[in-house]
Amino acid sequence: QVIKWIVATAVSRNVRELDISYSSYPEKLNTLPSNLYTSKSLVVLKLSDWILLAVPPMVCLPSLKTLQLQQVAYFNEESLQRLLSNCPALEELKVDIWKDDNTRKFTIVVPSLQRLSLFIPFDYGIDGLVIKTPSLKYFKLRIHSSISHYCLVEHMPNLIEAYIDVEFPDIKSLIESITSVKRLEICLEVLYEEGIVFSQLEHLKLCRCKDCTSNLLVRLLKDSPNLRVLDLYEMIDHYYCGIIPWNPPSTVPACMLSSLQIFNWSAYSGVPGERDLAIYMLKNASHLKTATILSDECDIPELEMLKELAFSSRASTTCEFIFD
């Protein structure tokens, strides 16, 4: 009650920024005062931990530009969308789903939104996801759970940067929505469908922890005709699954013959599949300026790995080769 009074008083005095986090013992969800949802002055609102988002029918936050909801609970499936639909100036949204929440359908429709970060944890399990954010420039999506019914993501024509880390199979709508992206970090459980082109993609960072990494890399190289930078690495808390055989494409992707200039590989171990891929890149990327290989701790001596790559043929005679 004291915290609710403090929040209500702050809102009544036209506060511009609020950061509310509950540490509740015994564990109990806490609601917020109703006048919070009609503040005309609030620009930044951050809510986290043991808060129940019970959005009243009358809600309007005309000045709100930044909203963060980290591990809060929702009164019902309409709570989030009701709040978002009454924030006409919202530009930045971060939502981290609480693992014990019961909401199973999420709808994010915000025409003004420019930055979106959405995290759904392991074993949460959602029924449906809808994202309509046509003005989005920065998109971070981490879903370590299944989506049982639908995933509908509309195209984002202004997208500059995207971070995609998902483990559900129905990714067609998601991949089609990000085709305008310029910088992409991605980790997928399955291979996306053919026929999708990333015509503006310049920088690709591909996580190599999945079984489909080899095929995914081939498809992304084929579908990214203007790619300039390629990074192979592991996302945080992702782990390399083992030896993945390299299956080269029947024809060299266009980007390797015209635009690819920088190739970086982190945690290179020198096993046969990795070695074949590295040699393929050096042999076929005709405009490559730098190739940087950072070795991982492994049984193959670094000098042996270095010799294999350093003495392999290269399409670009001006390529600087860096091995560490």
Protein backbone atom coordinates (compact mmCIF):
# COMPACT_ATOMS: atom_id res chain seq x y z
CA GLN A 1 0.00 0.00 0.00
CA VAL A 2 2.86 2.38 0.75
CA ILE A 3 4.41 1.74 -2.68
CA LYS A 4 1.05 2.22 -4.39
CA TRP A 5 0.65 5.55 -2.57
CA ILE A 6 4.14 6.64 -3.63
CA VAL A 7 3.46 5.74 -7.26
CA ALA A 8 0.06 7.45 -7.24
CA THR A 9 1.59 10.59 -5.74
CA ALA A 10 4.44 10.61 -8.27
CA VAL A 11 2.01 10.29 -11.17
CA SER A 12 -0.19 13.08 -9.80
CA ARG A 13 2.88 15.33 -9.81
CA ASN A 14 3.53 14.70 -13.51
CA VAL A 15 6.55 12.41 -13.19
CA ARG A 16 8.24 11.68 -16.53
CA GLU A 17 10.04 8.43 -15.68
CA LEU A 18 9.09 5.52 -13.40
CA ASP A 19 11.07 2.36 -12.65
CA ILE A 20 9.14 0.00 -10.36
CA SER A 21 10.45 -3.36 -9.15
CA TYR A 22 8.88 -5.42 -6.37
CA SER A 23 10.74 -7.81 -4.10
CA SER A 24 7.87 -9.57 -2.38
CA TYR A 25 8.01 -11.87 0.62
CA PRO A 26 5.90 -13.81 1.02
CA GLU A 27 5.57 -14.04 -2.76
CA LYS A 28 2.54 -12.03 -3.84
CA LEU A 29 1.56 -10.19 -7.00
CA ASN A 30 1.04 -6.45 -6.62
CA THR A 31 -1.22 -4.18 -8.64
CA LEU A 32 -0.49 -0.56 -9.49
CA PRO A 33 -2.70 2.50 -8.91
CA SER A 34 -5.20 3.23 -11.67
CA ASN A 35 -3.95 6.78 -12.27
CA LEU A 36 -0.68 5.31 -13.57
CA TYR A 37 -2.54 4.20 -16.69
CA THR A 38 -3.81 7.70 -17.51
CA SER A 39 -0.64 9.72 -16.96
CA LYS A 40 -0.20 12.47 -19.54
CA SER A 41 3.41 13.19 -18.54
CA LEU A 42 4.95 9.71 -18.33
CA VAL A 43 7.65 9.16 -20.99
CA VAL A 44 9.52 6.12 -19.60
CA LEU A 45 7.88 3.26 -17.68
CA LYS A 46 9.79 0.20 -16.44
CA LEU A 47 8.00 -2.54 -14.50
CA SER A 48 9.55 -5.76 -13.20
CA ASP A 49 9.05 -8.62 -10.71
CA TRP A 50 5.84 -9.50 -8.88
CA ILE A 51 3.65 -6.94 -10.62
CA LEU A 52 0.22 -7.86 -11.93
CA LEU A 53 -0.57 -5.82 -15.03
CA ALA A 54 -4.29 -5.27 -14.56
CA VAL A 55 -4.97 -2.63 -17.21
CA PRO A 56 -8.29 -0.81 -16.61
CA PRO A 57 -10.78 -0.09 -19.44
CA MET A 58 -9.83 3.58 -19.35
CA VAL A 59 -6.15 3.78 -20.25
CA CYS A 60 -4.23 6.46 -22.13
CA LEU A 61 -0.51 7.22 -22.01
CA PRO A 62 -0.10 9.84 -24.75
CA SER A 63 3.54 10.74 -23.98
CA LEU A 64 4.94 7.27 -23.27
CA LYS A 65 7.90 6.45 -25.53
CA THR A 66 9.71 3.66 -23.65
CA LEU A 67 8.03 0.68 -21.98
CA GLN A 68 9.80 -2.24 -20.31
CA LEU A 69 7.88 -5.20 -18.86
CA GLN A 70 10.25 -7.72 -17.32
CA GLN A 71 8.78 -10.84 -15.75
CA VAL A 72 5.46 -9.28 -14.82
CA ALA A 73 2.15 -11.16 -14.80
CA TYR A 74 -0.82 -10.23 -16.98
CA PHE A 75 -4.39 -10.16 -15.68
CA ASN A 76 -5.64 -11.68 -18.95
CA GLU A 77 -4.61 -12.08 -22.59
CA GLU A 78 -6.00 -8.65 -23.51
CA SER A 79 -4.00 -6.74 -20.90
CA LEU A 80 -0.83 -6.21 -22.94
CA GLN A 81 -2.55 -5.26 -26.18
CA ARG A 82 -4.97 -2.92 -24.38
CA LEU A 83 -2.01 -1.11 -22.88
CA LEU A 84 -0.05 -0.96 -26.13
CA SER A 85 -2.99 0.23 -28.22
CA ASN A 86 -3.32 3.27 -25.97
CA CYS A 87 0.32 4.38 -26.23
CA PRO A 88 0.24 6.32 -29.52
CA ALA A 89 3.81 7.67 -29.18
CA LEU A 90 5.50 4.42 -28.10
CA GLU A 91 8.91 3.92 -29.74
CA GLU A 92 10.68 1.29 -27.62
CA LEU A 93 9.23 -1.88 -26.08
CA LYS A 94 10.95 -4.64 -24.13
CA VAL A 95 8.96 -7.64 -22.92
CA ASP A 96 10.49 -10.54 -20.97
CA ILE A 97 7.81 -13.12 -20.25
CA TRP A 98 7.59 -14.48 -16.71
CA LYS A 99 7.90 -18.27 -16.73
CA ASP A 100 4.99 -18.69 -14.28
CA ASP A 101 2.55 -16.44 -16.12
CA ASN A 102 -0.56 -18.07 -17.61
CA THR A 103 -0.95 -15.88 -20.69
CA ARG A 104 -0.59 -17.96 -23.84
CA LYS A 105 -1.42 -15.52 -26.64
CA PHE A 106 0.54 -12.34 -27.30
CA THR A 107 -0.42 -9.56 -29.68
CA ILE A 108 1.89 -6.62 -30.30
CA VAL A 109 0.37 -4.05 -32.66
CA VAL A 110 2.12 -0.69 -32.40
CA PRO A 111 2.41 1.42 -35.60
CA SER A 112 4.87 3.89 -34.02
CA LEU A 113 7.26 1.31 -32.53
CA GLN A 114 10.92 1.51 -33.59
CA ARG A 115 12.61 -0.90 -31.15
CA LEU A 116 11.22 -4.23 -29.97
CA SER A 117 12.77 -6.89 -27.73
CA LEU A 118 10.70 -9.97 -26.87
CA PHE A 119 11.91 -12.93 -24.80
CA ILE A 120 9.90 -16.08 -24.09
CA PRO A 121 11.75 -18.61 -21.88
CA PHE A 122 12.31 -22.36 -22.15
CA ASP A 123 9.30 -24.68 -21.79
CA TYR A 124 6.83 -21.80 -21.57
CA GLY A 125 4.65 -22.86 -24.49
CA ILE A 126 2.45 -20.27 -26.18
CA ASP A 127 -0.62 -20.69 -28.39
CA GLY A 128 -0.12 -17.71 -30.67
CA LEU A 129 1.99 -14.68 -31.47
CA VAL A 130 1.07 -11.64 -33.59
CA ILE A 131 3.48 -8.78 -34.30
CA LYS A 132 2.49 -5.77 -36.42
CA THR A 133 5.14 -3.07 -36.15
CA PRO A 134 5.62 -1.46 -39.59
CA SER A 135 7.98 1.29 -38.35
CA LEU A 136 10.37 -1.06 -36.58
CA LYS A 137 14.12 -0.45 -37.00
CA TYR A 138 15.59 -2.74 -34.33
CA PHE A 139 14.14 -6.17 -33.58
CA LYS A 140 15.30 -8.70 -30.99
CA LEU A 141 13.35 -11.94 -30.71
CA ARG A 142 14.30 -14.82 -28.43
CA ILE A 143 11.76 -17.64 -28.18
CA HIS A 144 13.06 -20.80 -26.53
CA SER A 145 9.66 -22.44 -26.54
CA SER A 146 7.03 -23.89 -28.85
CA ILE A 147 4.19 -22.03 -30.56
CA SER A 148 1.30 -24.44 -30.92
CA HIS A 149 -1.13 -22.55 -33.19
CA TYR A 150 0.10 -19.49 -35.09
CA CYS A 151 2.96 -17.04 -35.53
CA LEU A 152 2.03 -14.02 -37.64
CA VAL A 153 4.65 -11.32 -38.12
CA GLU A 154 4.02 -8.56 -40.67
CA HIS A 155 6.72 -7.09 -42.90
CA MET A 156 9.05 -4.48 -41.40
CA PRO A 157 10.20 -2.36 -44.38
CA ASN A 158 12.38 -0.01 -42.30
CA LEU A 159 14.26 -2.72 -40.40
CA ILE A 160 17.98 -2.02 -39.90
CA GLU A 161 19.07 -4.62 -37.37
CA ALA A 162 17.58 -7.93 -36.18
CA TYR A 163 18.59 -10.55 -33.62
CA ILE A 164 16.65 -13.78 -34.12
CA ASP A 165 17.06 -16.76 -31.78
CA VAL A 166 14.06 -19.09 -32.03
CA GLU A 167 13.40 -22.79 -31.52
CA PHE A 168 10.00 -23.31 -33.11
CA PRO A 169 9.46 -24.70 -36.65
CA ASP A 170 6.79 -22.35 -38.07
CA ILE A 171 9.14 -19.54 -39.11
CA LYS A 172 7.87 -18.61 -42.60
CA SER A 173 6.04 -15.45 -41.51
CA LEU A 174 8.91 -14.41 -39.25
CA ILE A 175 11.61 -14.77 -41.93
CA GLU A 176 9.49 -13.01 -44.56
CA SER A 177 8.98 -10.08 -42.18
CA ILE A 178 12.72 -9.30 -41.88
CA THR A 179 13.81 -9.40 -45.54
CA SER A 180 14.62 -5.65 -45.52
CA VAL A 181 17.16 -6.03 -42.70
CA LYS A 182 20.72 -4.72 -43.12
CA ARG A 183 22.41 -6.44 -40.15
CA LEU A 184 21.23 -9.86 -38.99
CA GLU A 185 22.22 -12.15 -36.11
CA ILE A 186 20.41 -15.44 -36.37
CA CYS A 187 20.06 -18.92 -34.86
CA LEU A 188 17.34 -21.23 -36.18
CA GLU A 189 16.20 -24.73 -35.29
CA VAL A 190 15.03 -25.45 -38.85
CA LEU A 191 15.81 -24.32 -42.39
CA TYR A 192 13.54 -21.61 -43.78
CA GLU A 193 11.77 -22.01 -47.13
CA GLU A 194 13.38 -21.26 -50.47
CA GLY A 195 12.45 -18.16 -52.48
CA ILE A 196 13.14 -15.52 -49.80
CA VAL A 197 15.70 -12.83 -50.70
CA PHE A 198 17.55 -10.54 -48.29
CA SER A 199 18.36 -7.90 -50.89
CA GLN A 200 19.62 -5.30 -48.39
CA LEU A 201 21.51 -7.59 -46.02
CA GLU A 202 25.13 -6.47 -45.63
CA HIS A 203 26.27 -8.05 -42.34
CA LEU A 204 25.34 -11.60 -41.30
CA LYS A 205 26.23 -13.18 -37.95
CA LEU A 206 25.28 -16.85 -37.96
CA CYS A 207 25.25 -18.96 -34.81
CA ARG A 208 26.74 -22.37 -35.61
CA CYS A 209 25.27 -24.39 -32.73
CA LYS A 210 22.46 -26.18 -34.62
CA ASP A 211 22.43 -29.29 -36.80
CA CYS A 212 21.11 -27.28 -39.76
CA THR A 213 23.91 -24.67 -39.65
CA SER A 214 25.66 -25.88 -42.81
CA ASN A 215 22.49 -25.86 -44.93
CA LEU A 216 21.33 -22.60 -43.38
CA LEU A 217 24.62 -20.91 -44.27
CA VAL A 218 24.37 -22.07 -47.88
CA ARG A 219 20.82 -20.75 -48.17
CA LEU A 220 21.65 -17.40 -46.58
CA LEU A 221 24.65 -16.95 -48.87
CA LYS A 222 22.45 -17.68 -51.90
CA ASP A 223 19.68 -15.36 -50.68
CA SER A 224 21.91 -12.39 -49.74
CA PRO A 225 23.31 -11.02 -53.02
CA ASN A 226 24.83 -7.90 -51.42
CA LEU A 227 26.41 -9.46 -48.33
CA ARG A 228 29.66 -7.75 -47.30
CA VAL A 229 30.49 -9.25 -43.87
CA LEU A 230 30.03 -12.84 -42.65
CA ASP A 231 30.63 -13.86 -39.02
CA LEU A 232 30.40 -17.45 -37.75
CA TYR A 233 30.15 -17.60 -33.97
CA GLU A 234 28.12 -18.89 -31.02
CA MET A 235 25.46 -16.81 -29.31
CA ILE A 236 25.68 -16.37 -25.55
CA ASP A 237 24.59 -19.57 -23.73
CA HIS A 238 24.63 -21.53 -27.00
CA TYR A 239 26.89 -24.51 -27.40
CA TYR A 240 28.40 -26.10 -30.49
CA CYS A 241 26.63 -29.41 -31.13
CA GLY A 242 29.63 -31.20 -32.63
CA ILE A 243 31.08 -31.91 -36.05
CA ILE A 244 28.85 -30.60 -38.85
CA PRO A 245 29.74 -31.75 -42.39
CA TRP A 246 30.13 -29.00 -44.97
CA ASN A 247 27.93 -29.48 -48.04
CA PRO A 248 28.96 -26.82 -50.56
CA PRO A 249 26.39 -25.44 -53.03
CA SER A 250 26.48 -26.61 -56.65
CA THR A 251 27.21 -23.05 -57.79
CA VAL A 252 29.11 -20.31 -55.97
CA PRO A 253 26.67 -17.79 -54.40
CA ALA A 254 26.59 -14.38 -56.11
CA CYS A 255 27.70 -12.49 -53.00
CA MET A 256 30.97 -14.44 -52.91
CA LEU A 257 31.75 -13.36 -56.45
CA SER A 258 30.85 -9.70 -56.06
CA SER A 259 30.40 -8.21 -52.58
CA LEU A 260 31.74 -10.35 -49.69
CA GLN A 261 34.78 -8.56 -48.24
CA ILE A 262 35.14 -9.72 -44.61
CA PHE A 263 34.95 -13.25 -43.20
CA ASN A 264 35.30 -13.86 -39.44
CA TRP A 265 35.16 -17.18 -37.60
CA SER A 266 35.22 -17.46 -33.80
CA ALA A 267 36.07 -20.69 -31.93
CA TYR A 268 37.40 -22.50 -35.00
CA SER A 269 38.46 -26.05 -34.09
CA GLY A 270 39.88 -27.30 -37.38
CA VAL A 271 37.82 -30.50 -37.57
CA PRO A 272 37.21 -31.76 -41.15
CA GLY A 273 33.83 -30.08 -41.70
CA GLU A 274 35.05 -26.73 -40.42
CA ARG A 275 38.28 -26.98 -42.38
CA ASP A 276 36.36 -27.71 -45.61
CA LEU A 277 34.11 -24.70 -45.06
CA ALA A 278 37.00 -22.35 -44.31
CA ILE A 279 38.91 -23.51 -47.40
CA TYR A 280 35.76 -23.12 -49.52
CA MET A 281 35.35 -19.51 -48.40
CA LEU A 282 38.98 -18.65 -49.14
CA LYS A 283 38.89 -20.44 -52.50
CA ASN A 284 35.68 -18.83 -53.81
CA ALA A 285 35.27 -15.35 -52.24
CA SER A 286 36.94 -13.37 -55.02
CA HIS A 287 36.63 -9.91 -53.40
CA LEU A 288 37.63 -10.92 -49.87
CA LYS A 289 39.79 -8.32 -48.10
CA THR A 290 40.24 -9.96 -44.67
CA ALA A 291 39.69 -13.45 -43.29
CA THR A 292 40.04 -13.77 -39.52
CA ILE A 293 40.06 -17.22 -37.90
CA LEU A 294 40.11 -17.42 -34.09
CA SER A 295 41.00 -20.93 -32.96
CA ASP A 296 39.27 -22.85 -30.18
CA GLU A 297 40.97 -25.08 -27.62
CA CYS A 298 41.16 -28.47 -29.28
CA ASP A 299 43.38 -31.46 -29.96
CA ILE A 300 44.55 -30.26 -33.38
CA PRO A 301 47.76 -28.18 -33.05
CA GLU A 302 47.35 -24.55 -34.05
CA LEU A 303 50.34 -24.70 -36.39
CA GLU A 304 48.78 -27.60 -38.29
CA MET A 305 45.48 -25.72 -38.65
CA LEU A 306 47.32 -22.60 -39.77
CA LYS A 307 49.26 -24.48 -42.44
CA GLU A 308 46.11 -26.06 -43.88
CA LEU A 309 44.44 -22.68 -44.32
CA ALA A 310 47.45 -20.51 -45.13
CA PHE A 311 48.56 -22.74 -48.02
CA SER A 312 45.09 -23.28 -49.47
CA SER A 313 44.28 -21.54 -52.76
CA ARG A 314 42.50 -18.19 -52.61
CA ALA A 315 40.27 -16.42 -55.09
CA SER A 316 41.35 -13.01 -53.78
CA THR A 317 45.06 -12.31 -54.13
CA THR A 318 44.78 -9.24 -51.86
CA CYS A 319 43.06 -11.03 -48.96
CA GLU A 320 44.74 -10.54 -45.57
CA PHE A 321 44.65 -13.81 -43.61
CA ILE A 322 44.65 -13.52 -39.80
CA PHE A 323 44.87 -16.61 -37.57
CA ASP A 324 44.93 -16.44 -33.78
